[in-house]
Amino acid sequence: MSIHQHLSQWCQTRGLSLADLSEQTGVTLANLQDFQKGSWDPPLSVMTSIARILNVPESWLHNDPRTILRLWNDPDEDNPELPNTNSPDPLFQRIIQTSRDYQDLFVLLTSLLHHGDPKLI
């Protein structure tokens, strides 16, 4: 399911139509319909507004939310912490949490990325 299909479900869950979302965000209905079809790439300010109205993390409008949830469903973890949906970016939150758990690997990855040599990765 694409992000655009999730948009419809998020609206339905909150009892909003696309027309309601259009009115609350100030984005034309035609543009929202184009976004839903995947033929319009809205500016970041519009994405922020849509996420705020739908009460979803903005990152969910850029990535499939199921991808983010897969990060928390690690079968090797006994009690995984679920994402905080109030966080502006649950993916970043997970990276920070993981960096605490695996500091040595995180430092190694960071140094490899900063070095800039793709052969090292």
Protein backbone atom coordinates (compact mmCIF):
# COMPACT_ATOMS: atom_id res chain seq x y z
CA MET A 1 0.00 0.00 0.00
CA SER A 2 1.42 3.38 -0.96
CA ILE A 3 1.60 6.48 1.19
CA HIS A 4 -1.12 7.96 -0.94
CA GLN A 5 -3.47 5.10 -0.08
CA HIS A 6 -2.62 5.53 3.60
CA LEU A 7 -3.72 9.17 3.27
CA SER A 8 -7.27 8.03 2.50
CA GLN A 9 -7.31 5.66 5.46
CA TRP A 10 -5.95 8.30 7.84
CA CYS A 11 -8.65 10.72 6.68
CA GLN A 12 -11.39 8.09 7.07
CA THR A 13 -10.17 7.12 10.54
CA ARG A 14 -10.39 10.76 11.64
CA GLY A 15 -13.75 11.33 9.96
CA LEU A 16 -12.28 13.74 7.42
CA SER A 17 -12.92 13.95 3.73
CA LEU A 18 -10.30 15.24 1.32
CA ALA A 19 -12.41 18.40 1.09
CA ASP A 20 -12.17 18.81 4.89
CA LEU A 21 -8.41 18.25 4.76
CA SER A 22 -8.19 20.77 1.93
CA GLU A 23 -10.06 23.37 3.96
CA GLN A 24 -7.98 22.80 7.11
CA THR A 25 -4.60 22.80 5.33
CA GLY A 26 -5.33 25.52 2.79
CA VAL A 27 -4.30 23.19 -0.05
CA THR A 28 -6.60 22.98 -3.03
CA LEU A 29 -8.70 19.85 -3.34
CA ALA A 30 -7.23 19.22 -6.80
CA ASN A 31 -3.70 19.24 -5.36
CA LEU A 32 -4.67 16.84 -2.56
CA GLN A 33 -6.26 14.52 -5.12
CA ASP A 34 -3.08 14.69 -7.20
CA PHE A 35 -1.03 13.90 -4.07
CA GLN A 36 -3.29 10.96 -3.36
CA LYS A 37 -2.72 9.68 -6.92
CA GLY A 38 1.02 10.17 -6.53
CA SER A 39 1.25 12.80 -9.26
CA TRP A 40 1.98 15.81 -7.02
CA ASP A 41 4.99 16.22 -4.75
CA PRO A 42 3.93 18.87 -2.23
CA PRO A 43 6.36 21.26 -0.57
CA LEU A 44 7.58 20.46 2.93
CA SER A 45 5.31 23.10 4.48
CA VAL A 46 2.27 21.34 3.04
CA MET A 47 3.51 17.94 4.25
CA THR A 48 3.96 19.40 7.74
CA SER A 49 0.45 20.82 7.68
CA ILE A 50 -1.11 17.55 6.48
CA ALA A 51 0.74 15.56 9.16
CA ARG A 52 -0.35 18.00 11.86
CA ILE A 53 -4.02 17.85 10.83
CA LEU A 54 -3.98 14.03 10.55
CA ASN A 55 -1.98 13.73 13.80
CA VAL A 56 0.64 11.43 12.25
CA PRO A 57 4.42 11.86 12.29
CA GLU A 58 5.55 13.79 9.24
CA SER A 59 7.97 11.01 8.34
CA TRP A 60 4.96 8.76 7.68
CA LEU A 61 4.13 10.94 4.67
CA HIS A 62 7.58 10.24 3.23
CA ASN A 63 7.97 6.54 4.10
CA ASP A 64 5.53 3.69 4.38
CA PRO A 65 4.55 3.57 8.10
CA ARG A 66 4.84 -0.22 8.03
CA THR A 67 8.54 0.18 7.27
CA ILE A 68 8.97 2.23 10.42
CA LEU A 69 7.01 -0.28 12.49
CA ARG A 70 9.20 -3.12 11.18
CA LEU A 71 12.12 -1.41 12.89
CA TRP A 72 10.41 -1.99 16.23
CA ASN A 73 9.33 -5.56 15.56
CA ASP A 74 12.71 -7.19 15.98
CA PRO A 75 12.15 -10.85 16.92
CA ASP A 76 15.39 -10.82 18.92
CA GLU A 77 14.12 -8.14 21.31
CA ASP A 78 12.12 -9.21 24.35
CA ASN A 79 10.28 -5.95 24.99
CA PRO A 80 10.77 -3.57 22.08
CA GLU A 81 9.90 0.06 22.73
CA LEU A 82 7.13 1.12 20.41
CA PRO A 83 7.56 4.37 18.51
CA ASN A 84 6.36 7.56 20.09
CA THR A 85 3.92 8.92 17.53
CA ASN A 86 4.18 12.34 19.16
CA SER A 87 7.81 12.42 18.09
CA PRO A 88 8.41 14.49 14.96
CA ASP A 89 10.36 11.61 13.47
CA PRO A 90 10.02 8.11 14.93
CA LEU A 91 12.74 6.82 12.61
CA PHE A 92 15.27 9.27 14.08
CA GLN A 93 14.04 8.30 17.55
CA ARG A 94 14.81 4.65 16.77
CA ILE A 95 18.28 5.50 15.47
CA ILE A 96 19.05 7.37 18.69
CA GLN A 97 17.73 4.50 20.81
CA THR A 98 19.74 1.94 18.85
CA SER A 99 22.86 4.08 19.03
CA ARG A 100 22.68 3.82 22.82
CA ASP A 101 22.35 0.03 22.66
CA TYR A 102 25.19 -0.46 20.19
CA GLN A 103 27.49 2.49 20.81
CA ASP A 104 30.61 0.81 19.44
CA LEU A 105 28.91 -0.10 16.15
CA PHE A 106 27.32 3.33 15.89
CA VAL A 107 30.69 5.04 16.36
CA LEU A 108 32.21 2.79 13.70
CA LEU A 109 29.39 3.48 11.23
CA THR A 110 29.56 7.21 11.91
CA SER A 111 33.30 7.31 11.32
CA LEU A 112 32.91 5.32 8.09
CA LEU A 113 30.22 7.69 6.85
CA HIS A 114 32.25 10.76 7.78
CA HIS A 115 35.32 9.38 6.05
CA GLY A 116 33.35 9.42 2.80
CA ASP A 117 35.02 6.41 1.21
CA PRO A 118 32.25 4.10 -0.09
CA LYS A 119 34.73 1.21 -0.24
CA LEU A 120 34.85 1.22 3.55
CA ILE A 121 31.13 0.62 3.81
